[in-house]
Amino acid sequence: MFVHRDPLRVLASVARLTEVLRRPFTRHVDRPALGHQELERWSSGTELMIRAADEDPFAEPIFHVQYSELVADPLGTVEALYRHFGLTLDPAAASAIARMVEAKPNGGYGTNHAGLDAYRIDSVAARERFAPYLARFGIAREPTPAGVPRPQPSIGSRPVVALARRRSSG
């Protein structure tokens, strides 16, 4: 199954997650380098998805889902997935999915506060790189979140702003 979504909508979140996972193992995370790595990784991934969808041995069994459809109708999307593979969703499983969706809207995820600029990802250049992917799978461009606060640069685990204040007050 491939879930398709506008990569620019999630790229900063992926970069932020990568930063959080790396932070315990390093004194410095180079955000621009990390942003470049994630842009490259996601760009390569979209190229692989296009190839897999277009090649005969893979085209038939792949189930393509638009993220917007998954969010709008999670249970219906799971039922369609089962039908695609010739299966029937067990009524108990369908009921459990419905209860989970009701209990945890948005999958239990909160708001993402990461922005592309924090990782020096040029949205215009990135949009061009992902254009073939968006076109191939009919993915609608999503608006990027407005008013997202820019994360403060940091050294180790301390924000640069805090270090500057401490030095000037001493």
N, C-alpha and C. Protein backbone atom coordinates (compact mmCIF):
# COMPACT_ATOMS: atom_id res chain seq x y z
N MET A 1 0.84 -1.16 0.00
CA MET A 1 0.00 0.00 0.00
C MET A 1 0.90 1.23 0.00
N PHE A 2 0.57 2.17 -0.88
CA PHE A 2 1.23 3.47 -0.90
C PHE A 2 0.22 4.51 -0.47
N VAL A 3 0.56 5.29 0.56
CA VAL A 3 -0.28 6.42 0.96
C VAL A 3 0.39 7.65 0.39
N HIS A 4 -0.36 8.39 -0.43
CA HIS A 4 0.18 9.54 -1.12
C HIS A 4 -0.29 10.84 -0.47
N ARG A 5 0.69 11.71 -0.22
CA ARG A 5 0.41 13.03 0.35
C ARG A 5 1.44 14.01 -0.18
N ASP A 6 1.08 15.28 -0.21
CA ASP A 6 1.99 16.33 -0.65
C ASP A 6 3.24 16.28 0.24
N PRO A 7 4.41 15.94 -0.32
CA PRO A 7 5.62 15.83 0.50
C PRO A 7 6.00 17.11 1.23
N LEU A 8 5.69 18.26 0.66
CA LEU A 8 6.06 19.51 1.33
C LEU A 8 5.28 19.71 2.62
N ARG A 9 4.14 19.06 2.73
CA ARG A 9 3.34 19.17 3.94
C ARG A 9 3.96 18.40 5.11
N VAL A 10 4.75 17.36 4.80
CA VAL A 10 5.30 16.51 5.86
C VAL A 10 6.82 16.54 5.97
N LEU A 11 7.49 17.16 5.02
CA LEU A 11 8.96 17.12 4.98
C LEU A 11 9.59 17.73 6.23
N ALA A 12 9.10 18.87 6.67
CA ALA A 12 9.67 19.48 7.88
C ALA A 12 9.43 18.62 9.11
N SER A 13 8.29 17.97 9.16
CA SER A 13 7.98 17.09 10.29
C SER A 13 8.94 15.90 10.32
N VAL A 14 9.23 15.35 9.16
CA VAL A 14 10.17 14.23 9.07
C VAL A 14 11.57 14.68 9.48
N ALA A 15 11.96 15.87 9.03
CA ALA A 15 13.27 16.40 9.41
C ALA A 15 13.33 16.61 10.92
N ARG A 16 12.26 17.14 11.50
CA ARG A 16 12.22 17.36 12.95
C ARG A 16 12.31 16.04 13.70
N LEU A 17 11.59 15.02 13.25
CA LEU A 17 11.65 13.71 13.88
C LEU A 17 13.08 13.15 13.81
N THR A 18 13.72 13.28 12.66
CA THR A 18 15.09 12.82 12.51
C THR A 18 16.01 13.57 13.47
N GLU A 19 15.80 14.86 13.60
CA GLU A 19 16.60 15.67 14.53
C GLU A 19 16.42 15.16 15.96
N VAL A 20 15.19 14.93 16.36
CA VAL A 20 14.91 14.45 17.72
C VAL A 20 15.58 13.09 17.96
N LEU A 21 15.53 12.22 16.97
CA LEU A 21 16.14 10.90 17.12
C LEU A 21 17.67 10.96 17.17
N ARG A 22 18.26 11.92 16.49
CA ARG A 22 19.73 12.05 16.49
C ARG A 22 20.26 12.78 17.72
N ARG A 23 19.49 13.69 18.26
CA ARG A 23 19.97 14.58 19.32
C ARG A 23 20.66 13.86 20.49
N PRO A 24 20.17 12.73 20.99
CA PRO A 24 20.86 12.09 22.12
C PRO A 24 22.26 11.57 21.79
N PHE A 25 22.57 11.47 20.50
CA PHE A 25 23.83 10.86 20.10
C PHE A 25 24.85 11.83 19.55
N THR A 26 24.55 13.13 19.64
CA THR A 26 25.47 14.12 19.09
C THR A 26 25.41 15.41 19.89
N ARG A 27 26.44 16.21 19.79
CA ARG A 27 26.45 17.51 20.48
C ARG A 27 25.85 18.58 19.59
N HIS A 28 25.82 18.34 18.27
CA HIS A 28 25.32 19.34 17.33
C HIS A 28 24.57 18.66 16.19
N VAL A 29 23.40 19.15 15.89
CA VAL A 29 22.66 18.69 14.73
C VAL A 29 22.68 19.82 13.70
N ASP A 30 23.22 19.53 12.54
CA ASP A 30 23.30 20.51 11.45
C ASP A 30 21.97 20.48 10.70
N ARG A 31 21.09 21.39 11.05
CA ARG A 31 19.74 21.39 10.45
C ARG A 31 19.75 21.53 8.93
N PRO A 32 20.53 22.44 8.34
CA PRO A 32 20.54 22.50 6.88
C PRO A 32 21.00 21.19 6.22
N ALA A 33 22.01 20.55 6.78
CA ALA A 33 22.47 19.26 6.24
C ALA A 33 21.39 18.20 6.40
N LEU A 34 20.74 18.20 7.55
CA LEU A 34 19.67 17.24 7.81
C LEU A 34 18.51 17.48 6.83
N GLY A 35 18.15 18.75 6.61
CA GLY A 35 17.10 19.08 5.65
C GLY A 35 17.43 18.59 4.26
N HIS A 36 18.69 18.78 3.84
CA HIS A 36 19.13 18.31 2.53
C HIS A 36 19.04 16.78 2.44
N GLN A 37 19.47 16.10 3.50
CA GLN A 37 19.42 14.62 3.51
C GLN A 37 17.98 14.13 3.38
N GLU A 38 17.07 14.74 4.13
CA GLU A 38 15.67 14.29 4.07
C GLU A 38 15.04 14.61 2.72
N LEU A 39 15.37 15.76 2.16
CA LEU A 39 14.86 16.11 0.83
C LEU A 39 15.34 15.08 -0.20
N GLU A 40 16.61 14.71 -0.12
CA GLU A 40 17.16 13.71 -1.04
C GLU A 40 16.48 12.35 -0.83
N ARG A 41 16.33 11.95 0.43
CA ARG A 41 15.73 10.65 0.76
C ARG A 41 14.29 10.58 0.24
N TRP A 42 13.53 11.63 0.50
CA TRP A 42 12.13 11.63 0.07
C TRP A 42 12.00 11.73 -1.44
N SER A 43 12.88 12.48 -2.07
CA SER A 43 12.86 12.58 -3.52
C SER A 43 13.15 11.22 -4.15
N SER A 44 14.17 10.54 -3.63
CA SER A 44 14.49 9.18 -4.13
C SER A 44 13.31 8.24 -3.89
N GLY A 45 12.68 8.36 -2.73
CA GLY A 45 11.54 7.50 -2.42
C GLY A 45 10.38 7.70 -3.38
N THR A 46 10.12 8.95 -3.76
CA THR A 46 9.01 9.20 -4.70
C THR A 46 9.35 8.63 -6.08
N GLU A 47 10.62 8.72 -6.47
CA GLU A 47 11.03 8.14 -7.76
C GLU A 47 10.86 6.62 -7.75
N LEU A 48 11.19 6.00 -6.62
CA LEU A 48 11.01 4.54 -6.50
C LEU A 48 9.53 4.16 -6.54
N MET A 49 8.67 4.96 -5.93
CA MET A 49 7.23 4.67 -5.96
C MET A 49 6.69 4.77 -7.38
N ILE A 50 7.13 5.77 -8.12
CA ILE A 50 6.68 5.93 -9.51
C ILE A 50 7.10 4.71 -10.32
N ARG A 51 8.36 4.30 -10.17
CA ARG A 51 8.84 3.12 -10.90
C ARG A 51 8.07 1.87 -10.51
N ALA A 52 7.87 1.66 -9.22
CA ALA A 52 7.15 0.46 -8.76
C ALA A 52 5.73 0.44 -9.30
N ALA A 53 5.08 1.59 -9.33
CA ALA A 53 3.70 1.65 -9.81
C ALA A 53 3.61 1.42 -11.31
N ASP A 54 4.69 1.72 -12.04
CA ASP A 54 4.68 1.59 -13.50
C ASP A 54 5.21 0.26 -14.01
N GLU A 55 5.87 -0.51 -13.16
CA GLU A 55 6.43 -1.79 -13.60
C GLU A 55 5.40 -2.90 -13.45
N ASP A 56 5.34 -3.79 -14.45
CA ASP A 56 4.36 -4.86 -14.47
C ASP A 56 4.34 -5.74 -13.23
N PRO A 57 5.48 -6.21 -12.73
CA PRO A 57 5.39 -7.12 -11.59
C PRO A 57 4.81 -6.46 -10.33
N PHE A 58 4.85 -5.11 -10.27
CA PHE A 58 4.40 -4.45 -9.06
C PHE A 58 3.08 -3.71 -9.22
N ALA A 59 2.74 -3.28 -10.39
CA ALA A 59 1.60 -2.38 -10.59
C ALA A 59 0.29 -2.95 -10.04
N GLU A 60 0.02 -4.21 -10.29
CA GLU A 60 -1.26 -4.80 -9.89
C GLU A 60 -1.46 -4.89 -8.37
N PRO A 61 -0.51 -5.42 -7.60
CA PRO A 61 -0.80 -5.60 -6.18
C PRO A 61 -0.72 -4.32 -5.33
N ILE A 62 -0.20 -3.23 -5.88
CA ILE A 62 -0.07 -2.01 -5.07
C ILE A 62 -1.44 -1.35 -4.92
N PHE A 63 -1.77 -1.03 -3.69
CA PHE A 63 -3.00 -0.30 -3.40
C PHE A 63 -2.61 1.14 -3.09
N HIS A 64 -3.11 2.07 -3.89
CA HIS A 64 -2.78 3.48 -3.74
C HIS A 64 -3.89 4.19 -2.97
N VAL A 65 -3.49 4.95 -1.96
CA VAL A 65 -4.45 5.68 -1.12
C VAL A 65 -4.03 7.15 -1.07
N GLN A 66 -4.99 8.01 -1.30
CA GLN A 66 -4.74 9.44 -1.11
C GLN A 66 -4.89 9.72 0.38
N TYR A 67 -3.94 10.42 0.96
CA TYR A 67 -3.98 10.75 2.38
C TYR A 67 -5.30 11.43 2.74
N SER A 68 -5.76 12.31 1.89
CA SER A 68 -7.01 13.03 2.16
C SER A 68 -8.19 12.06 2.28
N GLU A 69 -8.20 11.00 1.49
CA GLU A 69 -9.26 9.99 1.57
C GLU A 69 -9.14 9.18 2.86
N LEU A 70 -7.92 8.85 3.23
CA LEU A 70 -7.69 8.10 4.47
C LEU A 70 -8.19 8.89 5.68
N VAL A 71 -7.89 10.18 5.71
CA VAL A 71 -8.32 11.02 6.82
C VAL A 71 -9.83 11.21 6.83
N ALA A 72 -10.40 11.38 5.64
CA ALA A 72 -11.85 11.61 5.54
C ALA A 72 -12.66 10.37 5.89
N ASP A 73 -12.15 9.19 5.54
CA ASP A 73 -12.90 7.96 5.77
C ASP A 73 -11.96 6.80 6.08
N PRO A 74 -11.38 6.77 7.29
CA PRO A 74 -10.41 5.72 7.61
C PRO A 74 -10.98 4.30 7.47
N LEU A 75 -12.15 4.07 7.99
CA LEU A 75 -12.73 2.73 7.91
C LEU A 75 -13.02 2.34 6.47
N GLY A 76 -13.60 3.25 5.70
CA GLY A 76 -13.86 2.98 4.29
C GLY A 76 -12.59 2.68 3.52
N THR A 77 -11.50 3.37 3.86
CA THR A 77 -10.21 3.14 3.21
C THR A 77 -9.67 1.76 3.54
N VAL A 78 -9.78 1.35 4.79
CA VAL A 78 -9.32 0.01 5.19
C VAL A 78 -10.17 -1.05 4.49
N GLU A 79 -11.47 -0.83 4.43
CA GLU A 79 -12.35 -1.79 3.72
C GLU A 79 -11.96 -1.89 2.25
N ALA A 80 -11.65 -0.75 1.60
CA ALA A 80 -11.23 -0.76 0.20
C ALA A 80 -9.91 -1.51 0.03
N LEU A 81 -9.01 -1.35 1.00
CA LEU A 81 -7.74 -2.07 0.98
C LEU A 81 -8.00 -3.58 1.00
N TYR A 82 -8.85 -4.02 1.88
CA TYR A 82 -9.19 -5.44 1.97
C TYR A 82 -9.79 -5.93 0.65
N ARG A 83 -10.72 -5.16 0.09
CA ARG A 83 -11.34 -5.56 -1.18
C ARG A 83 -10.30 -5.66 -2.29
N HIS A 84 -9.36 -4.72 -2.31
CA HIS A 84 -8.32 -4.71 -3.34
C HIS A 84 -7.55 -6.03 -3.36
N PHE A 85 -7.33 -6.60 -2.20
CA PHE A 85 -6.59 -7.85 -2.11
C PHE A 85 -7.50 -9.08 -2.00
N GLY A 86 -8.80 -8.88 -2.28
CA GLY A 86 -9.72 -10.00 -2.29
C GLY A 86 -10.06 -10.53 -0.91
N LEU A 87 -9.99 -9.68 0.09
CA LEU A 87 -10.26 -10.08 1.47
C LEU A 87 -11.51 -9.38 1.99
N THR A 88 -12.03 -9.87 3.09
CA THR A 88 -13.17 -9.25 3.74
C THR A 88 -12.75 -8.83 5.14
N LEU A 89 -13.03 -7.59 5.46
CA LEU A 89 -12.69 -7.07 6.78
C LEU A 89 -13.66 -7.66 7.80
N ASP A 90 -13.12 -8.27 8.83
CA ASP A 90 -13.92 -8.86 9.90
C ASP A 90 -14.75 -7.76 10.58
N PRO A 91 -16.03 -7.99 10.83
CA PRO A 91 -16.87 -6.98 11.47
C PRO A 91 -16.32 -6.51 12.83
N ALA A 92 -15.71 -7.41 13.59
CA ALA A 92 -15.14 -7.02 14.89
C ALA A 92 -13.96 -6.06 14.68
N ALA A 93 -13.15 -6.33 13.66
CA ALA A 93 -12.03 -5.44 13.35
C ALA A 93 -12.54 -4.09 12.87
N ALA A 94 -13.57 -4.10 12.04
CA ALA A 94 -14.16 -2.85 11.56
C ALA A 94 -14.70 -2.03 12.72
N SER A 95 -15.33 -2.69 13.65
CA SER A 95 -15.87 -2.00 14.83
C SER A 95 -14.75 -1.41 15.68
N ALA A 96 -13.68 -2.16 15.84
CA ALA A 96 -12.53 -1.67 16.62
C ALA A 96 -11.90 -0.45 15.94
N ILE A 97 -11.80 -0.48 14.62
CA ILE A 97 -11.25 0.66 13.89
C ILE A 97 -12.15 1.87 14.09
N ALA A 98 -13.45 1.68 13.97
CA ALA A 98 -14.40 2.79 14.15
C ALA A 98 -14.28 3.39 15.55
N ARG A 99 -14.15 2.54 16.57
CA ARG A 99 -14.00 3.05 17.94
C ARG A 99 -12.69 3.83 18.11
N MET A 100 -11.61 3.32 17.52
CA MET A 100 -10.33 3.98 17.63
C MET A 100 -10.37 5.36 16.95
N VAL A 101 -10.97 5.42 15.77
CA VAL A 101 -11.06 6.69 15.05
C VAL A 101 -11.87 7.70 15.85
N GLU A 102 -12.94 7.24 16.47
CA GLU A 102 -13.77 8.13 17.28
C GLU A 102 -13.02 8.61 18.53
N ALA A 103 -12.24 7.72 19.13
CA ALA A 103 -11.53 8.05 20.37
C ALA A 103 -10.31 8.92 20.12
N LYS A 104 -9.67 8.75 18.98
CA LYS A 104 -8.43 9.49 18.70
C LYS A 104 -8.49 10.15 17.33
N PRO A 105 -9.20 11.27 17.25
CA PRO A 105 -9.21 11.99 15.97
C PRO A 105 -7.78 12.35 15.57
N ASN A 106 -7.51 12.35 14.30
CA ASN A 106 -6.18 12.64 13.77
C ASN A 106 -5.16 11.60 14.25
N GLY A 107 -5.62 10.42 14.59
CA GLY A 107 -4.72 9.35 15.01
C GLY A 107 -4.04 9.61 16.34
N GLY A 108 -4.50 10.63 17.05
CA GLY A 108 -3.88 10.97 18.32
C GLY A 108 -2.70 11.91 18.18
N TYR A 109 -2.42 12.34 16.94
CA TYR A 109 -1.27 13.22 16.71
C TYR A 109 -1.65 14.65 17.04
N GLY A 110 -0.68 15.39 17.53
CA GLY A 110 -0.88 16.81 17.82
C GLY A 110 -0.49 17.66 16.62
N THR A 111 -0.33 18.93 16.86
CA THR A 111 0.05 19.87 15.82
C THR A 111 1.56 19.86 15.62
N ASN A 112 1.96 19.90 14.37
CA ASN A 112 3.38 19.94 14.04
C ASN A 112 3.84 21.40 14.02
N HIS A 113 4.93 21.69 14.68
CA HIS A 113 5.43 23.06 14.73
C HIS A 113 6.72 23.25 13.93
N ALA A 114 7.09 22.27 13.13
CA ALA A 114 8.32 22.39 12.33
C ALA A 114 8.02 23.12 11.04
N GLY A 115 8.99 23.90 10.57
CA GLY A 115 8.86 24.61 9.30
C GLY A 115 10.04 24.30 8.39
N LEU A 116 9.81 24.37 7.07
CA LEU A 116 10.86 24.07 6.11
C LEU A 116 12.07 24.99 6.27
N ASP A 117 11.82 26.24 6.61
CA ASP A 117 12.94 27.19 6.71
C ASP A 117 13.92 26.83 7.83
N ALA A 118 13.45 26.15 8.87
CA ALA A 118 14.35 25.75 9.96
C ALA A 118 15.42 24.78 9.47
N TYR A 119 15.13 24.07 8.36
CA TYR A 119 16.06 23.09 7.81
C TYR A 119 16.62 23.56 6.47
N ARG A 120 16.40 24.83 6.17
CA ARG A 120 16.88 25.47 4.94
C ARG A 120 16.43 24.70 3.70
N ILE A 121 15.20 24.22 3.72
CA ILE A 121 14.62 23.55 2.55
C ILE A 121 13.89 24.61 1.75
N ASP A 122 14.32 24.82 0.52
CA ASP A 122 13.70 25.79 -0.37
C ASP A 122 12.41 25.18 -0.91
N SER A 123 11.28 25.76 -0.53
CA SER A 123 9.99 25.17 -0.91
C SER A 123 9.76 25.21 -2.42
N VAL A 124 10.26 26.24 -3.11
CA VAL A 124 10.07 26.33 -4.56
C VAL A 124 10.86 25.22 -5.26
N ALA A 125 12.12 25.06 -4.88
CA ALA A 125 12.96 24.01 -5.48
C ALA A 125 12.42 22.62 -5.13
N ALA A 126 11.98 22.45 -3.89
CA ALA A 126 11.43 21.15 -3.48
C ALA A 126 10.14 20.86 -4.24
N ARG A 127 9.31 21.87 -4.43
CA ARG A 127 8.06 21.68 -5.18
C ARG A 127 8.36 21.19 -6.59
N GLU A 128 9.40 21.73 -7.22
CA GLU A 128 9.79 21.29 -8.56
C GLU A 128 10.25 19.83 -8.54
N ARG A 129 11.01 19.46 -7.51
CA ARG A 129 11.51 18.07 -7.43
C ARG A 129 10.39 17.07 -7.28
N PHE A 130 9.34 17.46 -6.56
CA PHE A 130 8.25 16.53 -6.31
C PHE A 130 7.13 16.63 -7.35
N ALA A 131 7.25 17.53 -8.31
CA ALA A 131 6.20 17.70 -9.33
C ALA A 131 5.86 16.41 -10.07
N PRO A 132 6.85 15.61 -10.50
CA PRO A 132 6.49 14.36 -11.20
C PRO A 132 5.68 13.40 -10.30
N TYR A 133 6.02 13.34 -9.04
CA TYR A 133 5.29 12.48 -8.09
C TYR A 133 3.86 12.96 -7.92
N LEU A 134 3.69 14.26 -7.70
CA LEU A 134 2.35 14.83 -7.54
C LEU A 134 1.51 14.57 -8.78
N ALA A 135 2.11 14.77 -9.95
CA ALA A 135 1.38 14.57 -11.21
C ALA A 135 1.05 13.09 -11.44
N ARG A 136 2.01 12.21 -11.20
CA ARG A 136 1.80 10.78 -11.48
C ARG A 136 0.67 10.18 -10.67
N PHE A 137 0.54 10.61 -9.40
CA PHE A 137 -0.47 10.03 -8.53
C PHE A 137 -1.65 10.95 -8.25
N GLY A 138 -1.72 12.07 -8.97
CA GLY A 138 -2.85 12.98 -8.83
C GLY A 138 -2.98 13.54 -7.42
N ILE A 139 -1.87 13.91 -6.82
CA ILE A 139 -1.86 14.40 -5.44
C ILE A 139 -2.09 15.90 -5.44
N ALA A 140 -3.05 16.33 -4.66
CA ALA A 140 -3.35 17.75 -4.54
C ALA A 140 -2.29 18.42 -3.67
N ARG A 141 -1.88 19.61 -4.08
CA ARG A 141 -0.97 20.39 -3.24
C ARG A 141 -1.73 20.84 -2.01
N GLU A 142 -1.10 20.68 -0.86
CA GLU A 142 -1.71 21.11 0.40
C GLU A 142 -1.08 22.42 0.82
N PRO A 143 -1.86 23.30 1.42
CA PRO A 143 -1.24 24.53 1.91
C PRO A 143 -0.29 24.20 3.06
N THR A 144 0.83 24.91 3.08
CA THR A 144 1.75 24.72 4.20
C THR A 144 1.19 25.50 5.38
N PRO A 145 1.40 25.02 6.58
CA PRO A 145 0.81 25.68 7.75
C PRO A 145 1.29 27.12 7.90
N ALA A 146 0.36 28.01 8.14
CA ALA A 146 0.70 29.42 8.33
C ALA A 146 1.02 29.67 9.79
N GLY A 147 1.87 30.63 10.03
CA GLY A 147 2.17 31.03 11.40
C GLY A 147 2.92 30.00 12.21
N VAL A 148 3.63 29.11 11.55
CA VAL A 148 4.39 28.09 12.28
C VAL A 148 5.62 28.77 12.87
N PRO A 149 5.80 28.68 14.18
CA PRO A 149 6.98 29.32 14.78
C PRO A 149 8.25 28.63 14.31
N ARG A 150 9.27 29.42 14.06
CA ARG A 150 10.55 28.88 13.62
C ARG A 150 11.32 28.40 14.84
N PRO A 151 11.76 27.13 14.83
CA PRO A 151 12.53 26.64 15.97
C PRO A 151 13.81 27.45 16.15
N GLN A 152 14.20 27.66 17.40
CA GLN A 152 15.40 28.42 17.70
C GLN A 152 16.63 27.57 17.39
N PRO A 153 17.67 28.20 16.80
CA PRO A 153 18.91 27.45 16.60
C PRO A 153 19.47 27.02 17.94
N SER A 154 20.15 25.89 17.96
CA SER A 154 20.66 25.41 19.23
C SER A 154 22.08 24.88 19.11
N ILE A 155 22.74 24.84 20.23
CA ILE A 155 24.05 24.22 20.35
C ILE A 155 23.88 23.16 21.43
N GLY A 156 24.11 21.92 21.05
CA GLY A 156 23.84 20.84 22.00
C GLY A 156 22.36 20.82 22.28
N SER A 157 21.98 20.89 23.54
CA SER A 157 20.56 20.89 23.87
C SER A 157 20.09 22.26 24.34
N ARG A 158 20.99 23.28 24.30
CA ARG A 158 20.62 24.61 24.78
C ARG A 158 20.38 25.55 23.61
N PRO A 159 19.28 26.31 23.63
CA PRO A 159 19.04 27.28 22.56
C PRO A 159 20.12 28.35 22.54
N VAL A 160 20.48 28.80 21.34
CA VAL A 160 21.49 29.83 21.18
C VAL A 160 21.07 31.11 21.89
N VAL A 161 19.78 31.45 21.85
CA VAL A 161 19.26 32.65 22.50
C VAL A 161 19.59 32.64 23.97
N ALA A 162 19.40 31.51 24.65
CA ALA A 162 19.67 31.40 26.07
C ALA A 162 21.17 31.58 26.35
N LEU A 163 22.02 31.04 25.50
CA LEU A 163 23.46 31.19 25.68
C LEU A 163 23.86 32.66 25.54
N ALA A 164 23.29 33.35 24.56
CA ALA A 164 23.63 34.76 24.34
C ALA A 164 23.19 35.61 25.52
N ARG A 165 22.01 35.35 26.05
CA ARG A 165 21.53 36.10 27.21
C ARG A 165 22.42 35.88 28.42
N ARG A 166 22.81 34.65 28.64
CA ARG A 166 23.63 34.32 29.81
C ARG A 166 24.98 35.00 29.71
N ARG A 167 25.57 35.02 28.52
CA ARG A 167 26.88 35.65 28.35
C ARG A 167 26.79 37.16 28.55
N SER A 168 25.73 37.79 28.06
CA SER A 168 25.61 39.24 28.18
C SER A 168 25.25 39.70 29.57
N SER A 169 24.65 38.82 30.38
CA SER A 169 24.26 39.20 31.73
C SER A 169 25.37 38.94 32.74
N GLY A 170 26.44 38.34 32.33
CA GLY A 170 27.47 37.94 33.29
C GLY A 170 28.63 38.78 33.29
